[in-house]
Amino acid sequence: MGFVLTYKILDKYFRFLFRLDNKSKKRLIIRLIETIEVRSGKKHDFKELFGAWEGNEKAEDIISEIKRSRVENREMEDF
């Protein structure tokens, strides 16, 4: 998901970019088109992000395991 610009912000960018020479404008257009093609080529199934936990462990056992696996390290590294 990309960042959406308002018309006011787009106008500010346009006023800045309008002053570029034609060669720079063409390069910018090509780069922008390439980003569109790359992004549109990716397909993700939104449903893959959801699902039930698969396991036979009880919630208490999972919580205990998480707590046991915690590591406390209070040593500070020098930069």
N, C-alpha and C. Protein backbone atom coordinates (compact mmCIF):
# COMPACT_ATOMS: atom_id res chain seq x y z
N MET A 1 0.84 -1.17 0.00
CA MET A 1 0.00 0.00 0.00
C MET A 1 0.89 1.23 0.00
N GLY A 2 0.61 2.13 -0.88
CA GLY A 2 1.47 3.28 -1.03
C GLY A 2 0.98 4.50 -0.28
N PHE A 3 1.78 5.52 -0.31
CA PHE A 3 1.47 6.79 0.32
C PHE A 3 0.65 7.62 -0.65
N VAL A 4 -0.47 8.17 -0.21
CA VAL A 4 -1.35 8.95 -1.07
C VAL A 4 -1.11 10.44 -0.80
N LEU A 5 -0.86 11.18 -1.88
CA LEU A 5 -0.61 12.61 -1.76
C LEU A 5 -1.88 13.40 -2.04
N THR A 6 -2.02 14.52 -1.37
CA THR A 6 -3.14 15.41 -1.63
C THR A 6 -2.83 16.24 -2.87
N TYR A 7 -3.84 16.86 -3.45
CA TYR A 7 -3.63 17.70 -4.62
C TYR A 7 -2.68 18.86 -4.30
N LYS A 8 -2.78 19.39 -3.11
CA LYS A 8 -1.93 20.51 -2.72
C LYS A 8 -0.46 20.10 -2.73
N ILE A 9 -0.16 18.92 -2.18
CA ILE A 9 1.22 18.43 -2.16
C ILE A 9 1.68 18.10 -3.57
N LEU A 10 0.79 17.47 -4.37
CA LEU A 10 1.15 17.16 -5.75
C LEU A 10 1.47 18.43 -6.54
N ASP A 11 0.71 19.49 -6.32
CA ASP A 11 0.97 20.75 -7.01
C ASP A 11 2.35 21.31 -6.65
N LYS A 12 2.73 21.17 -5.37
CA LYS A 12 4.06 21.64 -4.95
C LYS A 12 5.15 20.85 -5.66
N TYR A 13 4.98 19.52 -5.73
CA TYR A 13 5.96 18.69 -6.45
C TYR A 13 6.01 19.09 -7.92
N PHE A 14 4.85 19.28 -8.52
CA PHE A 14 4.80 19.61 -9.93
C PHE A 14 5.51 20.92 -10.22
N ARG A 15 5.28 21.92 -9.38
CA ARG A 15 5.95 23.22 -9.59
C ARG A 15 7.46 23.06 -9.53
N PHE A 16 7.94 22.20 -8.65
CA PHE A 16 9.37 21.95 -8.55
C PHE A 16 9.87 21.18 -9.78
N LEU A 17 9.17 20.11 -10.14
CA LEU A 17 9.60 19.25 -11.24
C LEU A 17 9.45 19.93 -12.60
N PHE A 18 8.52 20.86 -12.71
CA PHE A 18 8.27 21.57 -13.96
C PHE A 18 9.53 22.29 -14.45
N ARG A 19 10.39 22.71 -13.52
CA ARG A 19 11.60 23.45 -13.87
C ARG A 19 12.74 22.56 -14.38
N LEU A 20 12.58 21.25 -14.28
CA LEU A 20 13.62 20.34 -14.76
C LEU A 20 13.74 20.40 -16.28
N ASP A 21 14.92 20.05 -16.76
CA ASP A 21 15.09 19.98 -18.21
C ASP A 21 14.36 18.73 -18.72
N ASN A 22 14.12 18.69 -20.03
CA ASN A 22 13.33 17.61 -20.63
C ASN A 22 13.95 16.23 -20.41
N LYS A 23 15.27 16.14 -20.49
CA LYS A 23 15.95 14.86 -20.30
C LYS A 23 15.69 14.33 -18.87
N SER A 24 15.79 15.20 -17.90
CA SER A 24 15.54 14.80 -16.51
C SER A 24 14.08 14.39 -16.31
N LYS A 25 13.17 15.13 -16.94
CA LYS A 25 11.75 14.78 -16.84
C LYS A 25 11.49 13.39 -17.42
N LYS A 26 12.09 13.10 -18.58
CA LYS A 26 11.91 11.78 -19.19
C LYS A 26 12.46 10.67 -18.30
N ARG A 27 13.63 10.91 -17.71
CA ARG A 27 14.20 9.92 -16.79
C ARG A 27 13.27 9.67 -15.61
N LEU A 28 12.72 10.74 -15.07
CA LEU A 28 11.80 10.62 -13.95
C LEU A 28 10.55 9.83 -14.34
N ILE A 29 10.01 10.12 -15.51
CA ILE A 29 8.83 9.40 -16.00
C ILE A 29 9.13 7.91 -16.13
N ILE A 30 10.27 7.58 -16.69
CA ILE A 30 10.65 6.17 -16.85
C ILE A 30 10.77 5.49 -15.50
N ARG A 31 11.41 6.15 -14.55
CA ARG A 31 11.56 5.56 -13.21
C ARG A 31 10.20 5.36 -12.54
N LEU A 32 9.31 6.32 -12.68
CA LEU A 32 7.98 6.19 -12.10
C LEU A 32 7.21 5.04 -12.74
N ILE A 33 7.29 4.92 -14.06
CA ILE A 33 6.61 3.83 -14.76
C ILE A 33 7.15 2.49 -14.30
N GLU A 34 8.47 2.39 -14.13
CA GLU A 34 9.07 1.14 -13.66
C GLU A 34 8.54 0.75 -12.28
N THR A 35 8.36 1.73 -11.39
CA THR A 35 7.84 1.39 -10.05
C THR A 35 6.40 0.92 -10.13
N ILE A 36 5.63 1.46 -11.06
CA ILE A 36 4.25 1.01 -11.23
C ILE A 36 4.23 -0.42 -11.73
N GLU A 37 5.08 -0.74 -12.70
CA GLU A 37 5.12 -2.09 -13.26
C GLU A 37 5.58 -3.10 -12.23
N VAL A 38 6.55 -2.75 -11.40
CA VAL A 38 7.04 -3.66 -10.37
C VAL A 38 5.96 -3.92 -9.33
N ARG A 39 5.31 -2.88 -8.88
CA ARG A 39 4.29 -3.04 -7.85
C ARG A 39 3.07 -3.80 -8.36
N SER A 40 2.68 -3.52 -9.58
CA SER A 40 1.48 -4.18 -10.10
C SER A 40 1.72 -5.65 -10.40
N GLY A 41 2.99 -6.05 -10.56
CA GLY A 41 3.31 -7.44 -10.85
C GLY A 41 3.17 -8.36 -9.63
N LYS A 42 3.19 -7.79 -8.44
CA LYS A 42 3.08 -8.59 -7.22
C LYS A 42 1.62 -8.86 -6.92
N LYS A 43 1.32 -10.11 -6.67
CA LYS A 43 -0.04 -10.47 -6.30
C LYS A 43 0.00 -11.23 -4.99
N HIS A 44 -0.72 -10.74 -4.01
CA HIS A 44 -0.78 -11.38 -2.72
C HIS A 44 -2.22 -11.75 -2.42
N ASP A 45 -2.38 -12.92 -1.89
CA ASP A 45 -3.71 -13.35 -1.48
C ASP A 45 -3.93 -12.86 -0.05
N PHE A 46 -4.83 -11.93 0.11
CA PHE A 46 -5.10 -11.33 1.41
C PHE A 46 -5.51 -12.38 2.44
N LYS A 47 -6.18 -13.42 1.99
CA LYS A 47 -6.66 -14.46 2.89
C LYS A 47 -5.52 -15.26 3.53
N GLU A 48 -4.33 -15.24 2.91
CA GLU A 48 -3.20 -15.95 3.47
C GLU A 48 -2.74 -15.36 4.80
N LEU A 49 -3.12 -14.13 5.08
CA LEU A 49 -2.70 -13.47 6.30
C LEU A 49 -3.52 -13.89 7.51
N PHE A 50 -4.58 -14.62 7.29
CA PHE A 50 -5.46 -14.99 8.38
C PHE A 50 -5.49 -16.50 8.54
N GLY A 51 -5.87 -16.93 9.73
CA GLY A 51 -6.00 -18.36 9.95
C GLY A 51 -5.98 -18.66 11.44
N ALA A 52 -6.47 -19.81 11.77
CA ALA A 52 -6.50 -20.23 13.16
C ALA A 52 -5.17 -20.87 13.54
N TRP A 53 -4.85 -20.78 14.82
CA TRP A 53 -3.65 -21.42 15.34
C TRP A 53 -3.81 -22.92 15.23
N GLU A 54 -2.81 -23.56 14.70
CA GLU A 54 -2.86 -25.01 14.59
C GLU A 54 -1.89 -25.60 15.60
N GLY A 55 -2.42 -26.28 16.58
CA GLY A 55 -1.59 -26.91 17.61
C GLY A 55 -2.46 -27.46 18.71
N ASN A 56 -1.91 -28.39 19.45
CA ASN A 56 -2.67 -29.02 20.52
C ASN A 56 -2.34 -28.46 21.90
N GLU A 57 -1.39 -27.51 21.96
CA GLU A 57 -0.98 -26.96 23.25
C GLU A 57 -2.08 -26.10 23.86
N LYS A 58 -2.13 -26.11 25.18
CA LYS A 58 -3.05 -25.23 25.89
C LYS A 58 -2.44 -23.83 25.94
N ALA A 59 -3.29 -22.84 26.08
CA ALA A 59 -2.83 -21.46 26.14
C ALA A 59 -1.83 -21.27 27.26
N GLU A 60 -2.07 -21.88 28.41
CA GLU A 60 -1.18 -21.74 29.57
C GLU A 60 0.21 -22.30 29.25
N ASP A 61 0.26 -23.42 28.50
CA ASP A 61 1.55 -24.01 28.14
C ASP A 61 2.32 -23.10 27.18
N ILE A 62 1.62 -22.50 26.25
CA ILE A 62 2.27 -21.60 25.30
C ILE A 62 2.82 -20.38 26.02
N ILE A 63 2.03 -19.82 26.93
CA ILE A 63 2.47 -18.65 27.70
C ILE A 63 3.69 -19.00 28.54
N SER A 64 3.67 -20.16 29.18
CA SER A 64 4.81 -20.59 30.00
C SER A 64 6.06 -20.74 29.15
N GLU A 65 5.92 -21.32 27.97
CA GLU A 65 7.07 -21.49 27.06
C GLU A 65 7.64 -20.16 26.63
N ILE A 66 6.79 -19.20 26.34
CA ILE A 66 7.24 -17.86 25.94
C ILE A 66 8.02 -17.22 27.08
N LYS A 67 7.49 -17.31 28.29
CA LYS A 67 8.16 -16.72 29.45
C LYS A 67 9.50 -17.40 29.73
N ARG A 68 9.57 -18.72 29.57
CA ARG A 68 10.83 -19.45 29.80
C ARG A 68 11.89 -19.10 28.75
N SER A 69 11.44 -18.78 27.54
CA SER A 69 12.40 -18.51 26.47
C SER A 69 12.92 -17.07 26.48
N ARG A 70 12.39 -16.23 27.32
CA ARG A 70 12.85 -14.85 27.40
C ARG A 70 14.28 -14.79 27.91
N VAL A 71 15.03 -13.88 27.35
CA VAL A 71 16.42 -13.69 27.76
C VAL A 71 16.56 -12.25 28.22
N GLU A 72 17.11 -12.09 29.39
CA GLU A 72 17.32 -10.75 29.90
C GLU A 72 18.80 -10.44 29.85
N ASN A 73 19.16 -9.42 29.14
CA ASN A 73 20.54 -9.03 28.99
C ASN A 73 20.66 -7.54 29.29
N ARG A 74 21.23 -7.22 30.40
CA ARG A 74 21.33 -5.81 30.80
C ARG A 74 22.70 -5.24 30.51
N GLU A 75 23.53 -5.96 29.80
CA GLU A 75 24.85 -5.45 29.46
C GLU A 75 24.74 -4.42 28.35
N MET A 76 25.41 -3.32 28.53
CA MET A 76 25.39 -2.25 27.53
C MET A 76 26.65 -2.36 26.68
N GLU A 77 26.49 -2.30 25.38
CA GLU A 77 27.63 -2.34 24.49
C GLU A 77 28.16 -0.95 24.26
N ASP A 78 29.49 -0.85 24.20
CA ASP A 78 30.12 0.44 23.90
C ASP A 78 30.08 0.70 22.41
N PHE A 79 29.92 1.98 22.06
CA PHE A 79 29.93 2.35 20.65
C PHE A 79 31.30 2.76 20.22
